[in-house]
Amino acid sequence: MKGEAVREVLRAGRVFVQNFRPRERRADHRAAVGGMWDVIGPLQLEFLREQGLRPDHRLLDVGCGSLRAGRFFISYLNPHCYLGLDGDEALVRAGLSAEIDPALMKEKQPEFAFNDSFQFPFDRKPDFAIAQSVFTHLTLRQIEACLTNLRAFAPDCRFFVTFNESSFRWPNCFSPNSQRTYFYTRGQIDRIARQCGWSMSYIGEWGHPRGQRMVLLVGHE
């Protein structure tokens, strides 16, 4: 029954699948994105509203996962205004099945794309984009791919990004644990952003319970 419900809500929205490599489905879709479900999800909506996000704006949710924040964005935004990208289709499907009312999907018509190469095959370009707890798990090369591709796709969007800030460069740019949680200096993020055509404004503390810092990237000539 749940599987049919997921198929129905995916039919209600527009789904793109490019270069998708299936992964093992997680038993707990909330834990799979780091938990703190009722804190970090609404925090993102509150933050973006403070930054000027309106219901009529289009928003790209990079690394939307199991819709910890997406459920709030979809409800808040007007129809056709939510764009979700993730490399794990099964995780997104789990979130849709458990967290999103099919009637809301039919009303709001969000769009999803599934790839881990940061391709953005959407017809509509976003006004805002957010990557919350995404760069914290990416290498510099992957960050470069994300920034380069998004700059080409939506050069005028305001891109909000969180990262784990360090005062020094980690060896190989990541902390020594099995989850590959990456730490970067502010200067590293600024340099790679400029190389990819973005100007960075450091926001810093924004209330994240694990201390991730926020930056705003806007395209420059």
N, C-alpha and C. Protein backbone atom coordinates (compact mmCIF):
# COMPACT_ATOMS: atom_id res chain seq x y z
N MET A 1 0.83 -1.22 0.00
CA MET A 1 0.00 0.00 0.00
C MET A 1 0.87 1.26 0.00
N LYS A 2 1.93 1.26 0.84
CA LYS A 2 2.81 2.41 0.90
C LYS A 2 3.55 2.59 -0.42
N GLY A 3 3.98 1.47 -1.00
CA GLY A 3 4.69 1.55 -2.27
C GLY A 3 3.83 2.18 -3.34
N GLU A 4 2.56 1.82 -3.38
CA GLU A 4 1.64 2.41 -4.36
C GLU A 4 1.45 3.89 -4.08
N ALA A 5 1.40 4.26 -2.81
CA ALA A 5 1.25 5.67 -2.45
C ALA A 5 2.45 6.48 -2.93
N VAL A 6 3.65 5.91 -2.78
CA VAL A 6 4.84 6.61 -3.25
C VAL A 6 4.81 6.78 -4.75
N ARG A 7 4.42 5.73 -5.48
CA ARG A 7 4.34 5.83 -6.93
C ARG A 7 3.35 6.91 -7.34
N GLU A 8 2.25 6.99 -6.59
CA GLU A 8 1.22 7.97 -6.92
C GLU A 8 1.72 9.39 -6.71
N VAL A 9 2.42 9.66 -5.58
CA VAL A 9 2.88 11.02 -5.34
C VAL A 9 4.00 11.37 -6.30
N LEU A 10 4.81 10.40 -6.70
CA LEU A 10 5.85 10.70 -7.68
C LEU A 10 5.24 11.01 -9.04
N ARG A 11 4.15 10.34 -9.37
CA ARG A 11 3.46 10.66 -10.61
C ARG A 11 2.85 12.05 -10.55
N ALA A 12 2.46 12.46 -9.33
CA ALA A 12 1.84 13.77 -9.18
C ALA A 12 2.84 14.89 -9.43
N GLY A 13 4.10 14.67 -9.07
CA GLY A 13 5.15 15.63 -9.36
C GLY A 13 5.88 15.23 -10.63
N ARG A 14 6.89 15.99 -11.00
CA ARG A 14 7.68 15.67 -12.18
C ARG A 14 9.02 15.13 -11.70
N VAL A 15 9.37 13.95 -12.10
CA VAL A 15 10.56 13.29 -11.58
C VAL A 15 11.57 13.09 -12.70
N PHE A 16 12.80 13.48 -12.47
CA PHE A 16 13.88 13.24 -13.39
C PHE A 16 14.80 12.20 -12.78
N VAL A 17 15.36 11.33 -13.59
CA VAL A 17 16.35 10.36 -13.12
C VAL A 17 17.52 10.39 -14.08
N GLN A 18 18.68 10.82 -13.61
CA GLN A 18 19.87 10.86 -14.44
C GLN A 18 21.05 10.29 -13.68
N ASN A 19 21.78 9.39 -14.30
CA ASN A 19 22.99 8.82 -13.71
C ASN A 19 22.76 8.32 -12.30
N PHE A 20 21.59 7.74 -12.09
CA PHE A 20 21.23 7.28 -10.74
C PHE A 20 21.82 5.91 -10.46
N ARG A 21 22.49 5.80 -9.32
CA ARG A 21 23.02 4.53 -8.88
C ARG A 21 22.28 4.12 -7.61
N PRO A 22 21.46 3.07 -7.65
CA PRO A 22 20.67 2.69 -6.49
C PRO A 22 21.56 2.37 -5.29
N ARG A 23 21.08 2.70 -4.14
CA ARG A 23 21.76 2.36 -2.90
C ARG A 23 20.81 1.55 -2.03
N GLU A 24 21.35 0.95 -1.05
CA GLU A 24 20.51 0.15 -0.15
C GLU A 24 19.56 1.09 0.59
N ARG A 25 18.30 0.72 0.62
CA ARG A 25 17.31 1.56 1.29
C ARG A 25 17.52 1.51 2.80
N ARG A 26 17.51 2.69 3.41
CA ARG A 26 17.68 2.77 4.86
C ARG A 26 16.38 2.42 5.57
N ALA A 27 16.47 1.71 6.68
CA ALA A 27 15.27 1.34 7.41
C ALA A 27 14.65 2.56 8.08
N ASP A 28 15.48 3.51 8.51
CA ASP A 28 14.98 4.69 9.20
C ASP A 28 15.37 5.92 8.39
N HIS A 29 14.43 6.46 7.65
CA HIS A 29 14.74 7.58 6.78
C HIS A 29 15.08 8.84 7.56
N ARG A 30 14.61 8.95 8.78
CA ARG A 30 14.94 10.13 9.58
C ARG A 30 16.37 10.06 10.11
N ALA A 31 16.75 8.92 10.62
CA ALA A 31 18.12 8.77 11.12
C ALA A 31 19.14 8.85 9.99
N ALA A 32 18.74 8.46 8.79
CA ALA A 32 19.67 8.41 7.66
C ALA A 32 20.19 9.79 7.28
N VAL A 33 19.46 10.84 7.62
CA VAL A 33 19.92 12.19 7.30
C VAL A 33 20.44 12.90 8.54
N GLY A 34 20.70 12.16 9.61
CA GLY A 34 21.33 12.74 10.78
C GLY A 34 20.41 13.06 11.94
N GLY A 35 19.14 12.64 11.83
CA GLY A 35 18.23 12.86 12.95
C GLY A 35 17.88 14.33 13.13
N MET A 36 17.62 14.72 14.39
CA MET A 36 17.21 16.09 14.74
C MET A 36 16.11 16.58 13.79
N TRP A 37 15.18 15.68 13.53
CA TRP A 37 14.15 15.87 12.52
C TRP A 37 13.29 17.10 12.77
N ASP A 38 12.91 17.30 14.02
CA ASP A 38 12.00 18.39 14.35
C ASP A 38 12.73 19.68 14.70
N VAL A 39 14.05 19.70 14.52
CA VAL A 39 14.84 20.91 14.80
C VAL A 39 15.40 21.49 13.50
N ILE A 40 16.15 20.69 12.77
CA ILE A 40 16.87 21.20 11.60
C ILE A 40 15.93 21.46 10.43
N GLY A 41 14.85 20.70 10.31
CA GLY A 41 13.90 20.93 9.24
C GLY A 41 13.26 22.31 9.32
N PRO A 42 12.54 22.62 10.40
CA PRO A 42 11.92 23.94 10.50
C PRO A 42 12.93 25.08 10.58
N LEU A 43 14.14 24.78 11.11
CA LEU A 43 15.17 25.81 11.18
C LEU A 43 15.52 26.35 9.80
N GLN A 44 15.58 25.47 8.81
CA GLN A 44 15.93 25.90 7.46
C GLN A 44 14.86 26.80 6.86
N LEU A 45 13.60 26.45 7.05
CA LEU A 45 12.53 27.29 6.53
C LEU A 45 12.54 28.65 7.22
N GLU A 46 12.68 28.66 8.53
CA GLU A 46 12.70 29.92 9.27
C GLU A 46 13.86 30.80 8.79
N PHE A 47 15.03 30.19 8.61
CA PHE A 47 16.19 30.95 8.17
C PHE A 47 15.96 31.55 6.79
N LEU A 48 15.49 30.75 5.84
CA LEU A 48 15.30 31.26 4.48
C LEU A 48 14.21 32.32 4.41
N ARG A 49 13.19 32.18 5.21
CA ARG A 49 12.17 33.24 5.26
C ARG A 49 12.78 34.55 5.75
N GLU A 50 13.66 34.46 6.73
CA GLU A 50 14.35 35.66 7.22
C GLU A 50 15.23 36.27 6.14
N GLN A 51 15.70 35.42 5.22
CA GLN A 51 16.55 35.89 4.12
C GLN A 51 15.74 36.37 2.91
N GLY A 52 14.42 36.33 3.03
CA GLY A 52 13.58 36.88 1.98
C GLY A 52 12.81 35.89 1.15
N LEU A 53 12.88 34.60 1.47
CA LEU A 53 12.14 33.61 0.69
C LEU A 53 10.64 33.82 0.84
N ARG A 54 9.96 33.94 -0.30
CA ARG A 54 8.52 34.08 -0.32
C ARG A 54 7.89 32.84 -0.96
N PRO A 55 6.59 32.63 -0.75
CA PRO A 55 5.94 31.47 -1.35
C PRO A 55 6.04 31.41 -2.86
N ASP A 56 6.14 32.58 -3.52
CA ASP A 56 6.20 32.58 -4.97
C ASP A 56 7.61 32.40 -5.53
N HIS A 57 8.61 32.34 -4.65
CA HIS A 57 9.97 32.08 -5.11
C HIS A 57 10.14 30.59 -5.41
N ARG A 58 11.02 30.29 -6.33
CA ARG A 58 11.39 28.89 -6.58
C ARG A 58 12.64 28.56 -5.77
N LEU A 59 12.62 27.40 -5.14
CA LEU A 59 13.71 26.98 -4.26
C LEU A 59 14.26 25.64 -4.70
N LEU A 60 15.58 25.56 -4.82
CA LEU A 60 16.27 24.31 -5.10
C LEU A 60 16.87 23.79 -3.81
N ASP A 61 16.47 22.59 -3.43
CA ASP A 61 16.94 21.94 -2.21
C ASP A 61 17.98 20.89 -2.61
N VAL A 62 19.27 21.26 -2.53
CA VAL A 62 20.36 20.38 -2.95
C VAL A 62 20.64 19.39 -1.82
N GLY A 63 20.52 18.09 -2.13
CA GLY A 63 20.64 17.08 -1.08
C GLY A 63 19.39 17.02 -0.24
N CYS A 64 18.24 16.95 -0.91
CA CYS A 64 16.96 17.02 -0.20
C CYS A 64 16.70 15.81 0.69
N GLY A 65 17.35 14.68 0.38
CA GLY A 65 17.24 13.49 1.23
C GLY A 65 15.81 13.05 1.46
N SER A 66 15.52 12.69 2.70
CA SER A 66 14.18 12.19 3.05
C SER A 66 13.23 13.31 3.44
N LEU A 67 13.57 14.55 3.01
CA LEU A 67 12.67 15.71 3.12
C LEU A 67 12.51 16.20 4.55
N ARG A 68 13.60 16.18 5.28
CA ARG A 68 13.58 16.75 6.63
C ARG A 68 13.15 18.21 6.58
N ALA A 69 13.70 18.96 5.63
CA ALA A 69 13.26 20.34 5.41
C ALA A 69 12.25 20.43 4.28
N GLY A 70 12.36 19.51 3.31
CA GLY A 70 11.50 19.58 2.14
C GLY A 70 10.02 19.56 2.46
N ARG A 71 9.63 18.84 3.50
CA ARG A 71 8.20 18.79 3.86
C ARG A 71 7.69 20.17 4.24
N PHE A 72 8.55 21.00 4.86
CA PHE A 72 8.15 22.36 5.22
C PHE A 72 8.20 23.27 4.00
N PHE A 73 9.23 23.11 3.17
CA PHE A 73 9.34 23.93 1.97
C PHE A 73 8.17 23.69 1.02
N ILE A 74 7.82 22.42 0.80
CA ILE A 74 6.73 22.09 -0.11
C ILE A 74 5.42 22.70 0.37
N SER A 75 5.18 22.63 1.65
CA SER A 75 3.95 23.19 2.22
C SER A 75 3.92 24.72 2.09
N TYR A 76 5.07 25.36 2.29
CA TYR A 76 5.14 26.82 2.30
C TYR A 76 5.10 27.42 0.90
N LEU A 77 5.75 26.79 -0.05
CA LEU A 77 5.90 27.37 -1.38
C LEU A 77 4.66 27.16 -2.25
N ASN A 78 4.51 28.00 -3.23
CA ASN A 78 3.44 27.86 -4.21
C ASN A 78 3.68 26.63 -5.09
N PRO A 79 2.65 26.19 -5.82
CA PRO A 79 2.84 25.07 -6.74
C PRO A 79 3.98 25.31 -7.73
N HIS A 80 4.71 24.24 -8.03
CA HIS A 80 5.81 24.23 -9.00
C HIS A 80 7.03 25.01 -8.51
N CYS A 81 7.11 25.32 -7.23
CA CYS A 81 8.21 26.16 -6.74
C CYS A 81 9.27 25.38 -5.96
N TYR A 82 9.04 24.11 -5.68
CA TYR A 82 10.05 23.32 -4.97
C TYR A 82 10.76 22.38 -5.93
N LEU A 83 12.09 22.43 -5.92
CA LEU A 83 12.93 21.55 -6.72
C LEU A 83 13.86 20.80 -5.77
N GLY A 84 13.81 19.48 -5.80
CA GLY A 84 14.65 18.68 -4.91
C GLY A 84 15.62 17.82 -5.68
N LEU A 85 16.89 17.87 -5.28
CA LEU A 85 17.92 17.04 -5.91
C LEU A 85 18.57 16.15 -4.86
N ASP A 86 18.71 14.86 -5.20
CA ASP A 86 19.44 13.95 -4.31
C ASP A 86 19.96 12.77 -5.12
N GLY A 87 21.02 12.15 -4.62
CA GLY A 87 21.57 10.98 -5.28
C GLY A 87 20.97 9.67 -4.84
N ASP A 88 20.12 9.71 -3.83
CA ASP A 88 19.56 8.49 -3.25
C ASP A 88 18.05 8.49 -3.43
N GLU A 89 17.60 7.91 -4.53
CA GLU A 89 16.17 7.92 -4.83
C GLU A 89 15.36 7.18 -3.77
N ALA A 90 15.90 6.07 -3.27
CA ALA A 90 15.17 5.29 -2.27
C ALA A 90 14.93 6.10 -1.00
N LEU A 91 15.89 6.93 -0.63
CA LEU A 91 15.72 7.74 0.56
C LEU A 91 14.64 8.80 0.36
N VAL A 92 14.63 9.41 -0.81
CA VAL A 92 13.59 10.39 -1.11
C VAL A 92 12.22 9.72 -1.12
N ARG A 93 12.14 8.55 -1.73
CA ARG A 93 10.87 7.83 -1.76
C ARG A 93 10.38 7.49 -0.36
N ALA A 94 11.32 7.11 0.52
CA ALA A 94 10.93 6.81 1.90
C ALA A 94 10.35 8.04 2.58
N GLY A 95 10.98 9.19 2.35
CA GLY A 95 10.47 10.42 2.92
C GLY A 95 9.11 10.80 2.37
N LEU A 96 8.94 10.64 1.07
CA LEU A 96 7.64 10.94 0.46
C LEU A 96 6.54 10.05 1.03
N SER A 97 6.87 8.77 1.18
CA SER A 97 5.87 7.82 1.66
C SER A 97 5.46 8.11 3.10
N ALA A 98 6.43 8.47 3.93
CA ALA A 98 6.16 8.60 5.36
C ALA A 98 5.79 10.02 5.79
N GLU A 99 6.23 11.02 5.04
CA GLU A 99 6.15 12.39 5.55
C GLU A 99 5.24 13.32 4.77
N ILE A 100 4.94 13.02 3.50
CA ILE A 100 4.21 13.96 2.65
C ILE A 100 2.85 13.39 2.28
N ASP A 101 1.82 14.16 2.53
CA ASP A 101 0.46 13.78 2.14
C ASP A 101 0.36 13.80 0.62
N PRO A 102 -0.09 12.71 0.00
CA PRO A 102 -0.23 12.71 -1.46
C PRO A 102 -1.07 13.87 -1.99
N ALA A 103 -2.06 14.30 -1.21
CA ALA A 103 -2.88 15.43 -1.65
C ALA A 103 -2.05 16.71 -1.74
N LEU A 104 -1.10 16.86 -0.83
CA LEU A 104 -0.23 18.03 -0.87
C LEU A 104 0.68 17.97 -2.09
N MET A 105 1.18 16.79 -2.42
CA MET A 105 2.00 16.63 -3.61
C MET A 105 1.22 17.02 -4.87
N LYS A 106 -0.01 16.57 -4.96
CA LYS A 106 -0.82 16.89 -6.13
C LYS A 106 -1.09 18.39 -6.23
N GLU A 107 -1.25 19.01 -5.08
CA GLU A 107 -1.51 20.46 -5.06
C GLU A 107 -0.25 21.25 -5.43
N LYS A 108 0.89 20.89 -4.84
CA LYS A 108 2.09 21.71 -4.97
C LYS A 108 2.98 21.33 -6.15
N GLN A 109 2.86 20.12 -6.68
CA GLN A 109 3.61 19.71 -7.86
C GLN A 109 5.11 19.98 -7.75
N PRO A 110 5.76 19.49 -6.70
CA PRO A 110 7.22 19.64 -6.62
C PRO A 110 7.90 18.78 -7.67
N GLU A 111 9.15 19.11 -7.97
CA GLU A 111 9.93 18.35 -8.94
C GLU A 111 11.17 17.77 -8.26
N PHE A 112 11.58 16.59 -8.71
CA PHE A 112 12.74 15.92 -8.14
C PHE A 112 13.67 15.43 -9.24
N ALA A 113 14.95 15.46 -8.97
CA ALA A 113 15.96 14.87 -9.84
C ALA A 113 16.86 14.01 -8.98
N PHE A 114 17.32 12.88 -9.54
CA PHE A 114 18.13 11.94 -8.78
C PHE A 114 19.47 11.71 -9.49
N ASN A 115 20.52 12.30 -8.97
CA ASN A 115 21.87 12.01 -9.43
C ASN A 115 22.84 12.53 -8.38
N ASP A 116 24.03 11.95 -8.38
CA ASP A 116 25.05 12.39 -7.43
C ASP A 116 26.19 13.12 -8.13
N SER A 117 25.94 13.61 -9.34
CA SER A 117 26.95 14.36 -10.08
C SER A 117 26.59 15.84 -10.19
N PHE A 118 25.57 16.25 -9.47
CA PHE A 118 25.13 17.64 -9.41
C PHE A 118 24.75 18.18 -10.79
N GLN A 119 23.96 17.38 -11.47
CA GLN A 119 23.30 17.83 -12.68
C GLN A 119 21.92 18.36 -12.28
N PHE A 120 21.50 19.45 -12.91
CA PHE A 120 20.25 20.11 -12.53
C PHE A 120 19.32 20.16 -13.75
N PRO A 121 18.63 19.06 -14.02
CA PRO A 121 17.82 18.96 -15.25
C PRO A 121 16.40 19.49 -15.09
N PHE A 122 16.28 20.64 -14.46
CA PHE A 122 14.96 21.21 -14.23
C PHE A 122 14.64 22.26 -15.30
N ASP A 123 13.37 22.39 -15.63
CA ASP A 123 12.94 23.41 -16.58
C ASP A 123 12.93 24.79 -15.93
N ARG A 124 12.58 24.84 -14.66
CA ARG A 124 12.47 26.11 -13.95
C ARG A 124 13.76 26.38 -13.18
N LYS A 125 14.21 27.62 -13.23
CA LYS A 125 15.42 28.00 -12.52
C LYS A 125 15.06 28.55 -11.14
N PRO A 126 15.82 28.21 -10.12
CA PRO A 126 15.48 28.67 -8.77
C PRO A 126 15.91 30.11 -8.51
N ASP A 127 15.17 30.76 -7.62
CA ASP A 127 15.56 32.06 -7.09
C ASP A 127 16.49 31.89 -5.90
N PHE A 128 16.22 30.85 -5.12
CA PHE A 128 17.01 30.51 -3.95
C PHE A 128 17.46 29.05 -4.09
N ALA A 129 18.59 28.74 -3.47
CA ALA A 129 19.03 27.34 -3.36
C ALA A 129 19.66 27.17 -1.98
N ILE A 130 19.57 25.96 -1.46
CA ILE A 130 20.20 25.66 -0.17
C ILE A 130 20.81 24.27 -0.23
N ALA A 131 22.00 24.17 0.37
CA ALA A 131 22.67 22.88 0.54
C ALA A 131 23.04 22.79 2.01
N GLN A 132 22.15 22.20 2.79
CA GLN A 132 22.34 22.10 4.23
C GLN A 132 22.91 20.73 4.57
N SER A 133 24.07 20.72 5.21
CA SER A 133 24.76 19.48 5.55
C SER A 133 25.04 18.62 4.32
N VAL A 134 25.45 19.29 3.25
CA VAL A 134 25.86 18.62 2.01
C VAL A 134 27.37 18.77 1.83
N PHE A 135 27.87 20.00 1.85
CA PHE A 135 29.30 20.22 1.71
C PHE A 135 30.07 19.59 2.88
N THR A 136 29.38 19.32 3.95
CA THR A 136 30.02 18.65 5.10
C THR A 136 30.42 17.22 4.78
N HIS A 137 29.93 16.68 3.66
CA HIS A 137 30.23 15.31 3.26
C HIS A 137 30.81 15.23 1.84
N LEU A 138 31.32 16.35 1.34
CA LEU A 138 31.84 16.39 -0.01
C LEU A 138 33.33 16.74 -0.02
N THR A 139 34.04 16.17 -0.99
CA THR A 139 35.42 16.57 -1.25
C THR A 139 35.42 17.91 -1.97
N LEU A 140 36.58 18.53 -2.05
CA LEU A 140 36.68 19.79 -2.78
C LEU A 140 36.32 19.61 -4.25
N ARG A 141 36.68 18.48 -4.81
CA ARG A 141 36.34 18.23 -6.21
C ARG A 141 34.83 18.14 -6.40
N GLN A 142 34.14 17.49 -5.47
CA GLN A 142 32.68 17.40 -5.56
C GLN A 142 32.03 18.76 -5.36
N ILE A 143 32.57 19.55 -4.43
CA ILE A 143 32.07 20.91 -4.22
C ILE A 143 32.23 21.73 -5.49
N GLU A 144 33.37 21.59 -6.14
CA GLU A 144 33.61 22.30 -7.39
C GLU A 144 32.58 21.91 -8.45
N ALA A 145 32.26 20.63 -8.54
CA ALA A 145 31.26 20.19 -9.51
C ALA A 145 29.90 20.81 -9.22
N CYS A 146 29.52 20.81 -7.95
CA CYS A 146 28.23 21.40 -7.56
C CYS A 146 28.18 22.88 -7.91
N LEU A 147 29.22 23.62 -7.53
CA LEU A 147 29.22 25.06 -7.76
C LEU A 147 29.29 25.41 -9.24
N THR A 148 30.09 24.68 -9.98
CA THR A 148 30.21 24.94 -11.41
C THR A 148 28.90 24.68 -12.14
N ASN A 149 28.28 23.55 -11.84
CA ASN A 149 27.03 23.19 -12.53
C ASN A 149 25.88 24.10 -12.15
N LEU A 150 25.80 24.47 -10.88
CA LEU A 150 24.71 25.35 -10.47
C LEU A 150 24.92 26.75 -11.02
N ARG A 151 26.16 27.19 -11.11
CA ARG A 151 26.44 28.52 -11.69
C ARG A 151 25.98 28.57 -13.14
N ALA A 152 26.19 27.46 -13.87
CA ALA A 152 25.76 27.40 -15.27
C ALA A 152 24.24 27.32 -15.39
N PHE A 153 23.61 26.61 -14.45
CA PHE A 153 22.16 26.40 -14.52
C PHE A 153 21.38 27.60 -14.04
N ALA A 154 21.76 28.16 -12.90
CA ALA A 154 20.98 29.24 -12.29
C ALA A 154 21.93 30.33 -11.78
N PRO A 155 22.52 31.11 -12.67
CA PRO A 155 23.54 32.07 -12.27
C PRO A 155 23.03 33.19 -11.38
N ASP A 156 21.74 33.41 -11.35
CA ASP A 156 21.19 34.52 -10.58
C ASP A 156 20.59 34.11 -9.23
N CYS A 157 20.69 32.85 -8.89
CA CYS A 157 20.08 32.41 -7.63
C CYS A 157 20.97 32.78 -6.45
N ARG A 158 20.36 32.83 -5.29
CA ARG A 158 21.09 33.02 -4.04
C ARG A 158 21.26 31.63 -3.41
N PHE A 159 22.50 31.22 -3.25
CA PHE A 159 22.81 29.86 -2.83
C PHE A 159 23.35 29.89 -1.40
N PHE A 160 22.57 29.31 -0.48
CA PHE A 160 22.97 29.23 0.93
C PHE A 160 23.56 27.85 1.19
N VAL A 161 24.75 27.84 1.80
CA VAL A 161 25.51 26.60 1.98
C VAL A 161 26.01 26.52 3.42
N THR A 162 25.88 25.35 4.03
CA THR A 162 26.49 25.14 5.33
C THR A 162 27.74 24.28 5.18
N PHE A 163 28.67 24.48 6.12
CA PHE A 163 29.88 23.66 6.11
C PHE A 163 30.42 23.57 7.54
N ASN A 164 31.23 22.56 7.79
CA ASN A 164 31.93 22.42 9.06
C ASN A 164 33.19 23.27 9.00
N GLU A 165 33.25 24.30 9.81
CA GLU A 165 34.37 25.23 9.73
C GLU A 165 35.50 24.80 10.65
N SER A 166 36.70 24.86 10.12
CA SER A 166 37.90 24.57 10.88
C SER A 166 38.84 25.76 10.76
N SER A 167 39.65 25.97 11.77
CA SER A 167 40.63 27.06 11.72
C SER A 167 41.90 26.65 11.00
N PHE A 168 42.03 25.38 10.67
CA PHE A 168 43.20 24.90 9.93
C PHE A 168 42.74 23.81 8.98
N ARG A 169 43.58 23.52 7.99
CA ARG A 169 43.23 22.53 6.99
C ARG A 169 43.53 21.13 7.51
N TRP A 170 42.48 20.29 7.50
CA TRP A 170 42.66 18.90 7.88
C TRP A 170 43.47 18.17 6.80
N PRO A 171 44.26 17.18 7.19
CA PRO A 171 44.89 16.34 6.18
C PRO A 171 43.81 15.67 5.31
N ASN A 172 43.92 15.81 4.03
CA ASN A 172 42.95 15.26 3.09
C ASN A 172 41.57 15.88 3.25
N CYS A 173 41.50 16.95 4.03
CA CYS A 173 40.27 17.75 4.17
C CYS A 173 39.12 17.02 4.85
N PHE A 174 39.39 15.99 5.62
CA PHE A 174 38.27 15.38 6.34
C PHE A 174 38.73 14.88 7.70
N SER A 175 37.76 14.78 8.61
CA SER A 175 38.06 14.31 9.94
C SER A 175 38.23 12.80 9.92
N PRO A 176 39.03 12.25 10.83
CA PRO A 176 39.35 10.82 10.79
C PRO A 176 38.24 9.94 11.36
N ASN A 177 37.13 9.84 10.61
CA ASN A 177 36.10 8.90 11.02
C ASN A 177 35.50 8.25 9.78
N SER A 178 34.74 7.19 9.99
CA SER A 178 34.26 6.39 8.88
C SER A 178 33.18 7.09 8.06
N GLN A 179 32.57 8.14 8.60
CA GLN A 179 31.49 8.82 7.89
C GLN A 179 32.00 9.91 6.95
N ARG A 180 33.30 10.11 6.91
CA ARG A 180 33.86 11.13 6.03
C ARG A 180 33.18 12.48 6.23
N THR A 181 33.21 12.98 7.42
CA THR A 181 32.69 14.30 7.71
C THR A 181 33.81 15.30 7.47
N TYR A 182 33.64 16.15 6.47
CA TYR A 182 34.71 17.03 6.01
C TYR A 182 34.66 18.38 6.73
N PHE A 183 35.84 18.90 7.01
CA PHE A 183 36.00 20.22 7.61
C PHE A 183 36.83 21.08 6.68
N TYR A 184 36.42 22.35 6.53
CA TYR A 184 37.14 23.27 5.67
C TYR A 184 37.30 24.61 6.37
N THR A 185 38.35 25.33 6.00
CA THR A 185 38.49 26.69 6.49
C THR A 185 37.58 27.62 5.68
N ARG A 186 37.32 28.78 6.25
CA ARG A 186 36.52 29.77 5.53
C ARG A 186 37.22 30.17 4.24
N GLY A 187 38.53 30.26 4.29
CA GLY A 187 39.29 30.63 3.11
C GLY A 187 39.17 29.61 1.99
N GLN A 188 39.14 28.32 2.34
CA GLN A 188 38.99 27.29 1.31
C GLN A 188 37.66 27.42 0.59
N ILE A 189 36.59 27.62 1.35
CA ILE A 189 35.27 27.76 0.73
C ILE A 189 35.22 29.01 -0.14
N ASP A 190 35.80 30.10 0.35
CA ASP A 190 35.82 31.34 -0.42
C ASP A 190 36.59 31.17 -1.72
N ARG A 191 37.74 30.51 -1.67
CA ARG A 191 38.56 30.36 -2.88
C ARG A 191 37.87 29.50 -3.93
N ILE A 192 37.32 28.37 -3.51
CA ILE A 192 36.69 27.51 -4.51
C ILE A 192 35.42 28.15 -5.06
N ALA A 193 34.72 28.93 -4.22
CA ALA A 193 33.53 29.64 -4.71
C ALA A 193 33.93 30.64 -5.79
N ARG A 194 34.98 31.44 -5.54
CA ARG A 194 35.41 32.42 -6.52
C ARG A 194 35.88 31.76 -7.81
N GLN A 195 36.57 30.64 -7.69
CA GLN A 195 37.04 29.92 -8.87
C GLN A 195 35.87 29.45 -9.75
N CYS A 196 34.73 29.20 -9.11
CA CYS A 196 33.56 28.68 -9.84
C CYS A 196 32.56 29.78 -10.20
N GLY A 197 32.93 31.03 -9.96
CA GLY A 197 32.08 32.14 -10.41
C GLY A 197 31.13 32.70 -9.37
N TRP A 198 31.39 32.41 -8.09
CA TRP A 198 30.52 32.90 -7.03
C TRP A 198 31.27 33.87 -6.12
N SER A 199 30.55 34.82 -5.54
CA SER A 199 31.06 35.66 -4.47
C SER A 199 30.47 35.17 -3.16
N MET A 200 31.30 35.07 -2.13
CA MET A 200 30.85 34.52 -0.86
C MET A 200 30.69 35.60 0.19
N SER A 201 29.57 35.53 0.91
CA SER A 201 29.36 36.34 2.11
C SER A 201 29.25 35.38 3.29
N TYR A 202 30.04 35.61 4.31
CA TYR A 202 30.06 34.72 5.47
C TYR A 202 28.96 35.13 6.44
N ILE A 203 28.03 34.22 6.71
CA ILE A 203 26.97 34.45 7.68
C ILE A 203 27.36 33.88 9.04
N GLY A 204 27.97 32.72 9.02
CA GLY A 204 28.46 32.11 10.26
C GLY A 204 27.37 31.41 11.04
N GLU A 205 27.29 31.71 12.31
CA GLU A 205 26.33 31.07 13.20
C GLU A 205 24.90 31.41 12.78
N TRP A 206 24.08 30.36 12.69
CA TRP A 206 22.68 30.59 12.30
C TRP A 206 21.73 29.70 13.10
N GLY A 207 22.25 29.10 14.18
CA GLY A 207 21.40 28.31 15.06
C GLY A 207 21.47 26.82 14.85
N HIS A 208 22.39 26.34 13.99
CA HIS A 208 22.48 24.91 13.74
C HIS A 208 22.94 24.19 15.00
N PRO A 209 22.23 23.15 15.43
CA PRO A 209 22.55 22.48 16.70
C PRO A 209 23.91 21.79 16.71
N ARG A 210 24.48 21.51 15.55
CA ARG A 210 25.80 20.89 15.50
C ARG A 210 26.88 21.88 15.08
N GLY A 211 26.53 23.13 15.04
CA GLY A 211 27.52 24.16 14.82
C GLY A 211 27.95 24.39 13.39
N GLN A 212 27.23 23.86 12.41
CA GLN A 212 27.59 24.13 11.03
C GLN A 212 27.41 25.63 10.74
N ARG A 213 28.35 26.17 9.99
CA ARG A 213 28.31 27.58 9.64
C ARG A 213 27.68 27.78 8.27
N MET A 214 27.12 28.97 8.06
CA MET A 214 26.40 29.26 6.84
C MET A 214 27.13 30.33 6.03
N VAL A 215 27.14 30.16 4.70
CA VAL A 215 27.61 31.21 3.80
C VAL A 215 26.56 31.43 2.73
N LEU A 216 26.59 32.62 2.14
CA LEU A 216 25.72 32.94 1.01
C LEU A 216 26.61 33.12 -0.21
N LEU A 217 26.27 32.45 -1.29
CA LEU A 217 26.99 32.57 -2.55
C LEU A 217 26.09 33.23 -3.59
N VAL A 218 26.61 34.23 -4.25
CA VAL A 218 25.89 34.87 -5.36
C VAL A 218 26.84 34.93 -6.54
N GLY A 219 26.31 34.80 -7.75
CA GLY A 219 27.14 34.79 -8.93
C GLY A 219 27.78 36.14 -9.20
N HIS A 220 28.99 36.10 -9.70
CA HIS A 220 29.67 37.36 -10.09
C HIS A 220 30.11 37.24 -11.54
N GLU A 221 30.34 38.38 -12.14
CA GLU A 221 30.76 38.44 -13.54
C GLU A 221 32.23 38.02 -13.67
